[in-house]
Amino acid sequence: MDFFKQIILSTFAAIAVGSVLFCGTVQARHKEDAKNTVEKTREYSIKANSQTSDEKAKYSAASFKSQIDKMTAWPVKRIDKEGTLIFSDSPETVYQDGILYEDTVSGKGRLYYYHVNGTDEDKKVVVMLTNESRTNAADFHITRSAQAGPSADYLYVGKTSQLRYFGYQTSRDVLIDKKSSQILENRTNRMVIKKDELVCGIYDFETAAPVKITVMMLPMDADPYAFIKTAPVLLKDESRLRGTFQNMDRVLQGERRYNPEKDGAVYFTVADDKDDAYLTGIDATDGSTVKNYGNYGVLYYLNMPTGGMGKVHYYLQPLGGVYAGAMTAQINNNVSVNVLPTPSERAFFGENQRQAYYADLGIYKIRDNVLFQYSPPGASNLPVNIILAPEE
């Protein structure tokens, strides 16, 4: 997480942000000071460190701010892709044992759960997979996964889950016999969640046969296989952030080629429910229509065609408040990807609403085909801007 270097742009004027905080109930627990506004890549840091003159540093800061002040919205087209998102985040803080969410799914899917133990007793959150077929076994194939927590540091959990999700992966299979259940992740059956601690899990999967996914909170000494047979389905909380949503992936692609020399600094917004609409779905436990405020669990593929001369510098700008996450950059269809913590050397940023913050996503050649993967991190506030700017 420490491969980016920080440069303090002391000449930045405070920029007012009028965005809505979609996760305002989650408070930062790191208690850091707002010291940094821009994160720089190692490549840029080496260049900057060779320029010891304060005048040069001030010029760089002023030049960047001038670009940002003039940046314009960039047109992008949004393409929703296949797959089913099972989202379990309500009740977010759980005050009794029971089923938090469940639904039956087949094909390509993603499970995203995010829950806090609100009781005074130690608990565990376990996901059960149930094959209701009377004749055939089910193969639940997991292609990518991450689990973070338990911890009372919610931003740490949100960021760590993304770093693990975007990191190195090996696939695995959970075989479920006919008319039987299996625990998705066996270690969660032994994982102690204390009061006010959060757990988060993200699982991409494929299954040819229908499989019921059940997310439960239960006592540490309870047998999940017995508990699931009698456990009640808990009511949603006021946020109503749970449900089954179609189109779990979304492509954001520039409608025309970005030319840094001609176009200057530009931006597009992710997860604002205006330019980038939130998914609507169904709460399978009661049949009600629900909206995924923030598009949590949605995986975005960001691709901006470029042309002309020079290089392009990409940034992420949080608009809603405190933010801590990660994303990836893939260059020219390379098998390997770069995991980019956002921010890199701080645990989080965005805590001062009068300050503008920018996480550096790297400098890329104009002929490079750069594909970013992004997903809204749990415990963080939205929306965000993705900024493209000329690199001098």
Protein backbone atom coordinates (compact mmCIF):
# COMPACT_ATOMS: atom_id res chain seq x y z
CA MET A 1 0.00 0.00 0.00
CA ASP A 2 2.99 2.34 0.30
CA PHE A 3 4.23 2.49 -3.28
CA PHE A 4 2.69 5.92 -3.89
CA LYS A 5 4.40 9.05 -2.53
CA GLN A 6 2.62 12.10 -1.23
CA ILE A 7 3.03 15.71 -2.33
CA ILE A 8 1.31 18.42 -0.31
CA LEU A 9 -0.26 21.03 -2.55
CA SER A 10 -0.24 23.91 -0.09
CA THR A 11 -1.44 26.36 -2.71
CA PHE A 12 -4.82 24.64 -3.14
CA ALA A 13 -7.79 26.76 -2.20
CA ALA A 14 -10.54 25.04 -0.29
CA ILE A 15 -13.14 23.61 -2.65
CA ALA A 16 -16.66 23.32 -1.37
CA VAL A 17 -18.31 19.99 -2.00
CA GLY A 18 -22.06 19.82 -2.22
CA SER A 19 -22.43 16.08 -2.63
CA VAL A 20 -24.76 13.94 -0.58
CA LEU A 21 -23.15 11.53 1.91
CA PHE A 22 -24.70 8.17 1.18
CA CYS A 23 -22.97 6.38 4.07
CA GLY A 24 -23.02 9.13 6.66
CA THR A 25 -23.70 6.72 9.52
CA VAL A 26 -20.22 5.20 9.21
CA GLN A 27 -17.63 7.27 11.06
CA ALA A 28 -13.88 7.32 10.49
CA ARG A 29 -11.97 5.73 13.35
CA HIS A 30 -8.39 6.47 12.32
CA LYS A 31 -8.45 10.06 13.64
CA GLU A 32 -5.82 11.27 11.17
CA ASP A 33 -5.25 14.92 10.30
CA ALA A 34 -6.10 16.27 6.86
CA LYS A 35 -2.55 16.81 5.59
CA ASN A 36 -2.50 15.57 2.02
CA THR A 37 -4.47 16.31 -1.10
CA VAL A 38 -2.65 14.46 -3.86
CA GLU A 39 -1.02 11.02 -3.96
CA LYS A 40 1.80 10.63 -6.50
CA THR A 41 3.13 7.49 -8.15
CA ARG A 42 6.66 6.32 -7.59
CA GLU A 43 7.61 7.43 -11.10
CA TYR A 44 6.43 10.95 -10.40
CA SER A 45 8.01 10.96 -6.94
CA ILE A 46 11.46 10.23 -8.34
CA LYS A 47 11.07 13.12 -10.73
CA ALA A 48 9.75 15.39 -8.01
CA ASN A 49 12.49 14.46 -5.55
CA SER A 50 15.12 15.47 -8.09
CA GLN A 51 13.60 18.94 -8.19
CA THR A 52 14.64 20.32 -4.85
CA SER A 53 13.57 23.86 -5.62
CA ASP A 54 10.53 25.05 -3.68
CA GLU A 55 9.65 27.27 -6.63
CA LYS A 56 9.35 24.24 -8.90
CA ALA A 57 7.12 22.42 -6.40
CA LYS A 58 4.88 25.48 -6.09
CA TYR A 59 4.70 25.79 -9.87
CA SER A 60 3.65 22.13 -10.16
CA ALA A 61 0.95 22.62 -7.57
CA ALA A 62 -0.33 25.78 -9.22
CA SER A 63 -0.33 24.13 -12.64
CA PHE A 64 -2.35 21.17 -11.34
CA LYS A 65 -4.87 23.40 -9.62
CA SER A 66 -5.25 25.48 -12.77
CA GLN A 67 -6.12 22.34 -14.73
CA ILE A 68 -8.61 21.15 -12.11
CA ASP A 69 -10.33 24.52 -11.94
CA LYS A 70 -10.98 24.34 -15.70
CA MET A 71 -11.88 20.66 -15.99
CA THR A 72 -15.05 19.74 -17.85
CA ALA A 73 -17.39 16.77 -17.82
CA TRP A 74 -16.45 14.00 -20.25
CA PRO A 75 -19.18 12.03 -22.05
CA VAL A 76 -19.25 8.32 -21.26
CA LYS A 77 -21.61 5.54 -22.21
CA ARG A 78 -22.71 3.04 -19.60
CA ILE A 79 -23.21 -0.60 -20.49
CA ASP A 80 -24.70 -2.99 -17.92
CA LYS A 81 -23.40 -6.56 -18.05
CA GLU A 82 -24.92 -9.87 -17.01
CA GLY A 83 -24.82 -11.45 -13.57
CA THR A 84 -26.82 -11.41 -10.34
CA LEU A 85 -25.76 -9.42 -7.27
CA ILE A 86 -26.88 -10.77 -3.89
CA PHE A 87 -26.48 -7.84 -1.50
CA SER A 88 -26.84 -8.20 2.29
CA ASP A 89 -26.41 -4.98 4.29
CA SER A 90 -29.71 -4.58 6.14
CA PRO A 91 -29.93 -4.71 9.02
CA GLU A 92 -26.39 -3.36 8.87
CA THR A 93 -26.07 -3.40 12.66
CA VAL A 94 -27.64 -6.66 13.80
CA TYR A 95 -29.27 -6.83 17.24
CA GLN A 96 -30.59 -10.40 17.20
CA ASP A 97 -29.83 -13.79 15.74
CA GLY A 98 -31.42 -14.74 12.48
CA ILE A 99 -31.29 -14.71 8.68
CA LEU A 100 -30.03 -11.40 7.31
CA TYR A 101 -30.83 -12.13 3.65
CA GLU A 102 -31.39 -15.10 1.38
CA ASP A 103 -32.31 -15.84 -2.20
CA THR A 104 -31.87 -18.58 -4.78
CA VAL A 105 -29.63 -17.91 -7.76
CA SER A 106 -28.11 -19.70 -10.73
CA GLY A 107 -25.59 -18.71 -13.38
CA LYS A 108 -23.00 -16.00 -12.83
CA GLY A 109 -23.30 -14.03 -9.60
CA ARG A 110 -21.71 -12.07 -6.79
CA LEU A 111 -22.42 -12.11 -3.06
CA TYR A 112 -21.64 -8.97 -1.06
CA TYR A 113 -22.38 -8.91 2.68
CA TYR A 114 -21.58 -6.22 5.24
CA HIS A 115 -22.76 -6.56 8.85
CA VAL A 116 -21.96 -5.31 12.36
CA ASN A 117 -22.61 -7.23 15.57
CA GLY A 118 -24.85 -4.90 17.59
CA THR A 119 -25.35 -7.26 20.53
CA ASP A 120 -23.36 -7.53 23.76
CA GLU A 121 -22.45 -11.15 23.04
CA ASP A 122 -19.89 -12.76 20.73
CA LYS A 123 -21.44 -13.77 17.41
CA LYS A 124 -20.52 -15.21 14.02
CA VAL A 125 -21.76 -14.46 10.51
CA VAL A 126 -22.00 -17.57 8.37
CA VAL A 127 -23.14 -17.98 4.75
CA MET A 128 -24.90 -21.23 3.91
CA LEU A 129 -25.27 -22.67 0.42
CA THR A 130 -28.30 -24.95 -0.05
CA ASN A 131 -28.95 -27.26 -2.99
CA GLU A 132 -32.69 -27.90 -3.07
CA SER A 133 -32.53 -30.37 -5.96
CA ARG A 134 -33.73 -33.87 -5.14
CA THR A 135 -31.71 -35.49 -7.90
CA ASN A 136 -28.44 -33.69 -8.66
CA ALA A 137 -25.46 -32.30 -6.77
CA ALA A 138 -24.49 -28.65 -7.29
CA ASP A 139 -21.03 -27.26 -8.02
CA PHE A 140 -20.67 -23.72 -6.62
CA HIS A 141 -17.59 -22.41 -8.43
CA ILE A 142 -15.93 -19.38 -6.75
CA THR A 143 -13.84 -17.33 -9.18
CA ARG A 144 -12.86 -14.40 -6.96
CA SER A 145 -13.36 -13.73 -3.25
CA ALA A 146 -12.38 -11.60 -0.28
CA GLN A 147 -13.27 -11.52 3.38
CA ALA A 148 -12.26 -8.79 5.86
CA GLY A 149 -12.83 -8.25 9.55
CA PRO A 150 -13.97 -8.63 12.17
CA SER A 151 -12.84 -5.17 13.25
CA ALA A 152 -14.31 -2.05 14.82
CA ASP A 153 -12.34 -0.01 12.25
CA TYR A 154 -14.93 0.05 9.49
CA LEU A 155 -12.82 1.93 6.94
CA TYR A 156 -10.05 -0.63 7.41
CA VAL A 157 -12.51 -3.45 6.72
CA GLY A 158 -13.88 -1.75 3.60
CA LYS A 159 -10.44 -1.01 2.18
CA THR A 160 -8.94 -4.38 3.09
CA SER A 161 -11.81 -6.27 1.48
CA GLN A 162 -11.11 -4.44 -1.78
CA LEU A 163 -7.34 -4.94 -1.63
CA ARG A 164 -7.95 -8.67 -1.20
CA TYR A 165 -10.69 -8.82 -3.82
CA PHE A 166 -8.52 -7.11 -6.43
CA GLY A 167 -5.39 -9.03 -5.40
CA TYR A 168 -4.13 -12.45 -6.47
CA GLN A 169 -6.89 -15.03 -6.72
CA THR A 170 -7.26 -18.78 -7.06
CA SER A 171 -10.61 -20.33 -7.90
CA ARG A 172 -12.19 -23.07 -5.81
CA ASP A 173 -15.34 -25.18 -5.72
CA VAL A 174 -17.91 -25.94 -3.06
CA LEU A 175 -19.70 -29.20 -3.85
CA ILE A 176 -23.22 -29.46 -2.45
CA ASP A 177 -25.00 -32.78 -2.43
CA LYS A 178 -28.67 -33.01 -3.35
CA LYS A 179 -31.07 -31.69 -0.69
CA SER A 180 -28.22 -30.53 1.56
CA SER A 181 -26.29 -27.44 2.65
CA GLN A 182 -22.64 -26.42 2.91
CA ILE A 183 -20.88 -23.54 4.64
CA LEU A 184 -19.42 -21.13 2.08
CA GLU A 185 -16.32 -20.31 4.16
CA ASN A 186 -15.57 -22.80 6.97
CA ARG A 187 -13.41 -20.43 9.00
CA THR A 188 -16.35 -18.05 9.48
CA ASN A 189 -17.94 -20.74 11.65
CA ARG A 190 -15.10 -20.18 14.15
CA MET A 191 -14.64 -16.43 13.65
CA VAL A 192 -15.59 -14.45 16.75
CA ILE A 193 -17.31 -11.12 16.06
CA LYS A 194 -17.43 -8.93 19.15
CA LYS A 195 -19.80 -6.07 19.84
CA ASP A 196 -19.58 -3.25 17.25
CA GLU A 197 -17.23 -5.23 15.01
CA LEU A 198 -17.82 -5.40 11.25
CA VAL A 199 -17.35 -8.25 8.77
CA CYS A 200 -17.46 -7.93 5.00
CA GLY A 201 -17.39 -10.63 2.33
CA ILE A 202 -17.30 -10.50 -1.48
CA TYR A 203 -17.64 -13.66 -3.58
CA ASP A 204 -17.87 -13.97 -7.36
CA PHE A 205 -19.29 -17.32 -8.39
CA GLU A 206 -20.84 -19.46 -11.10
CA THR A 207 -23.35 -22.25 -10.60
CA ALA A 208 -25.26 -24.22 -13.20
CA ALA A 209 -27.78 -25.47 -10.65
CA PRO A 210 -29.99 -23.20 -8.50
CA VAL A 211 -28.40 -22.60 -5.08
CA LYS A 212 -29.99 -20.78 -2.15
CA ILE A 213 -27.58 -18.34 -0.48
CA THR A 214 -28.40 -17.58 3.16
CA VAL A 215 -26.51 -15.00 5.24
CA MET A 216 -27.00 -15.52 9.00
CA MET A 217 -25.83 -14.13 12.34
CA LEU A 218 -25.88 -16.70 15.13
CA PRO A 219 -24.32 -17.54 18.53
CA MET A 220 -20.76 -18.86 18.55
CA ASP A 221 -21.85 -22.23 19.90
CA ALA A 222 -24.73 -22.68 17.44
CA ASP A 223 -24.60 -25.33 14.70
CA PRO A 224 -25.27 -23.52 11.38
CA TYR A 225 -26.83 -26.65 9.85
CA ALA A 226 -29.41 -26.82 12.65
CA PHE A 227 -29.81 -23.03 13.03
CA ILE A 228 -30.82 -22.47 9.39
CA LYS A 229 -33.83 -24.77 9.75
CA THR A 230 -35.60 -22.60 12.35
CA ALA A 231 -33.95 -19.15 12.08
CA PRO A 232 -36.29 -16.20 11.45
CA VAL A 233 -35.70 -13.71 8.64
CA LEU A 234 -34.85 -10.38 10.28
CA LEU A 235 -36.57 -7.18 9.22
CA LYS A 236 -34.72 -4.58 7.17
CA ASP A 237 -33.44 -1.43 8.84
CA GLU A 238 -34.20 2.07 7.55
CA SER A 239 -31.49 1.93 4.88
CA ARG A 240 -33.15 -1.08 3.18
CA LEU A 241 -29.78 -1.99 1.64
CA ARG A 242 -30.41 -5.59 0.75
CA GLY A 243 -31.80 -7.37 -2.24
CA THR A 244 -31.18 -9.22 -5.46
CA PHE A 245 -30.05 -7.10 -8.40
CA GLN A 246 -29.49 -7.94 -12.05
CA ASN A 247 -26.49 -6.58 -14.01
CA MET A 248 -23.75 -6.85 -11.37
CA ASP A 249 -21.05 -5.40 -13.68
CA ARG A 250 -21.03 -2.06 -15.52
CA VAL A 251 -18.76 -0.74 -18.28
CA LEU A 252 -18.08 3.01 -18.44
CA GLN A 253 -16.50 3.91 -21.77
CA GLY A 254 -15.59 7.27 -23.26
CA GLU A 255 -17.83 8.25 -26.15
CA ARG A 256 -14.89 9.74 -28.02
CA ARG A 257 -11.11 9.73 -27.80
CA TYR A 258 -9.60 11.91 -25.13
CA ASN A 259 -6.78 14.14 -26.41
CA PRO A 260 -4.91 15.69 -23.46
CA GLU A 261 -3.43 18.53 -25.56
CA LYS A 262 -6.82 19.62 -26.90
CA ASP A 263 -9.22 18.61 -24.14
CA GLY A 264 -7.33 19.57 -20.97
CA ALA A 265 -8.52 18.12 -17.66
CA VAL A 266 -11.83 16.24 -17.80
CA TYR A 267 -13.86 14.08 -15.42
CA PHE A 268 -16.76 11.68 -15.18
CA THR A 269 -18.73 10.76 -12.08
CA VAL A 270 -19.31 7.27 -10.68
CA ALA A 271 -22.16 6.24 -8.34
CA ASP A 272 -24.14 9.49 -8.08
CA ASP A 273 -27.56 8.18 -9.22
CA LYS A 274 -27.68 10.99 -11.80
CA ASP A 275 -25.13 10.36 -14.52
CA ASP A 276 -24.59 6.87 -13.07
CA ALA A 277 -27.86 5.33 -11.95
CA TYR A 278 -28.17 3.04 -8.94
CA LEU A 279 -29.40 -0.51 -9.49
CA THR A 280 -32.94 -1.40 -8.51
CA GLY A 281 -33.88 -4.90 -7.49
CA ILE A 282 -36.13 -7.08 -5.35
CA ASP A 283 -35.86 -8.03 -1.69
CA ALA A 284 -36.54 -11.74 -2.04
CA THR A 285 -37.58 -12.04 1.62
CA ASP A 286 -40.68 -9.85 1.20
CA GLY A 287 -40.99 -9.09 -2.53
CA SER A 288 -40.48 -5.33 -2.16
CA THR A 289 -38.61 -3.17 -4.68
CA VAL A 290 -35.30 -1.84 -3.37
CA LYS A 291 -32.53 0.46 -4.60
CA ASN A 292 -28.79 -0.12 -4.10
CA TYR A 293 -27.82 3.34 -2.84
CA GLY A 294 -24.15 3.59 -3.80
CA ASN A 295 -24.06 0.57 -6.14
CA TYR A 296 -22.12 -1.38 -3.52
CA GLY A 297 -21.04 -4.73 -4.91
CA VAL A 298 -21.14 -3.52 -8.51
CA LEU A 299 -17.87 -4.00 -10.41
CA TYR A 300 -17.08 -1.20 -12.86
CA TYR A 301 -14.81 -1.48 -15.89
CA LEU A 302 -13.53 1.99 -16.81
CA ASN A 303 -12.06 2.47 -20.28
CA MET A 304 -11.31 5.84 -21.85
CA PRO A 305 -9.97 5.71 -25.43
CA THR A 306 -7.18 8.25 -25.93
CA GLY A 307 -5.43 9.88 -28.89
CA GLY A 308 -3.06 12.66 -29.82
CA MET A 309 0.31 13.18 -28.17
CA GLY A 310 1.71 13.14 -24.65
CA LYS A 311 0.69 11.24 -21.53
CA VAL A 312 -2.45 11.04 -19.42
CA HIS A 313 -2.59 11.35 -15.63
CA TYR A 314 -5.57 9.73 -13.90
CA TYR A 315 -6.93 10.63 -10.46
CA LEU A 316 -9.78 9.57 -8.21
CA GLN A 317 -11.53 12.40 -6.34
CA PRO A 318 -13.91 11.54 -3.46
CA LEU A 319 -16.90 13.87 -3.31
CA GLY A 320 -19.09 12.54 -0.50
CA GLY A 321 -16.77 12.51 2.50
CA VAL A 322 -14.48 9.96 4.15
CA TYR A 323 -13.20 7.40 1.66
CA ALA A 324 -10.88 4.35 1.68
CA GLY A 325 -10.72 1.79 -1.09
CA ALA A 326 -8.73 0.24 -3.93
CA MET A 327 -8.96 -0.38 -7.67
CA THR A 328 -6.83 -1.90 -10.42
CA ALA A 329 -5.20 -0.79 -13.65
CA GLN A 330 -4.54 -3.19 -16.53
CA ILE A 331 -2.36 -1.97 -19.41
CA ASN A 332 -2.64 -3.32 -22.96
CA ASN A 333 -4.48 -6.49 -21.91
CA ASN A 334 -1.52 -7.58 -19.79
CA VAL A 335 -2.25 -10.63 -17.64
CA SER A 336 -0.96 -8.86 -14.54
CA VAL A 337 -2.72 -5.85 -13.05
CA ASN A 338 -1.61 -3.07 -10.73
CA VAL A 339 -3.58 -2.81 -7.48
CA LEU A 340 -4.02 0.86 -6.54
CA PRO A 341 -4.96 1.73 -2.94
CA THR A 342 -7.06 4.89 -2.80
CA PRO A 343 -5.45 6.64 -1.03
CA SER A 344 -2.08 4.91 -0.93
CA GLU A 345 -0.04 6.01 2.08
CA ARG A 346 -2.91 7.16 4.25
CA ALA A 347 -5.55 4.82 5.57
CA PHE A 348 -8.31 7.11 4.29
CA PHE A 349 -9.00 10.66 3.13
CA GLY A 350 -11.93 12.97 2.46
CA GLU A 351 -12.64 13.83 6.09
CA ASN A 352 -12.50 17.61 5.62
CA GLN A 353 -15.44 18.72 3.48
CA ARG A 354 -13.78 22.06 2.74
CA GLN A 355 -10.70 20.35 1.29
CA ALA A 356 -10.30 18.70 -2.11
CA TYR A 357 -8.54 15.31 -2.20
CA TYR A 358 -7.09 13.37 -5.12
CA ALA A 359 -5.74 9.81 -5.21
CA ASP A 360 -3.21 9.26 -7.97
CA LEU A 361 -4.08 6.40 -10.34
CA GLY A 362 -0.93 6.72 -12.44
CA ILE A 363 0.56 8.23 -15.59
CA TYR A 364 0.03 6.35 -18.86
CA LYS A 365 1.22 6.69 -22.44
CA ILE A 366 -1.32 8.00 -24.90
CA ARG A 367 -1.16 4.77 -26.92
CA ASP A 368 -1.69 2.54 -23.90
CA ASN A 369 -5.04 0.78 -23.61
CA VAL A 370 -5.76 1.26 -19.89
CA LEU A 371 -8.60 -0.64 -18.25
CA PHE A 372 -9.46 0.21 -14.64
CA GLN A 373 -11.58 -1.96 -12.38
CA TYR A 374 -13.45 -0.12 -9.64
CA SER A 375 -16.08 -0.98 -7.04
CA PRO A 376 -17.58 1.33 -4.39
CA PRO A 377 -15.88 0.40 -1.09
CA GLY A 378 -17.91 -0.41 2.00
CA ALA A 379 -17.85 2.23 4.78
CA SER A 380 -16.91 4.94 2.26
CA ASN A 381 -18.97 7.87 1.03
CA LEU A 382 -19.90 8.47 -2.58
CA PRO A 383 -19.87 9.58 -5.36
CA VAL A 384 -16.38 9.89 -6.84
CA ASN A 385 -14.93 11.61 -9.87
CA ILE A 386 -12.43 9.94 -12.17
CA ILE A 387 -10.21 12.66 -13.63
CA LEU A 388 -8.03 12.60 -16.75
CA ALA A 389 -5.45 15.37 -17.06
CA PRO A 390 -2.49 16.16 -19.33
CA GLU A 391 0.86 15.17 -17.89
CA GLU A 392 3.57 17.73 -18.61
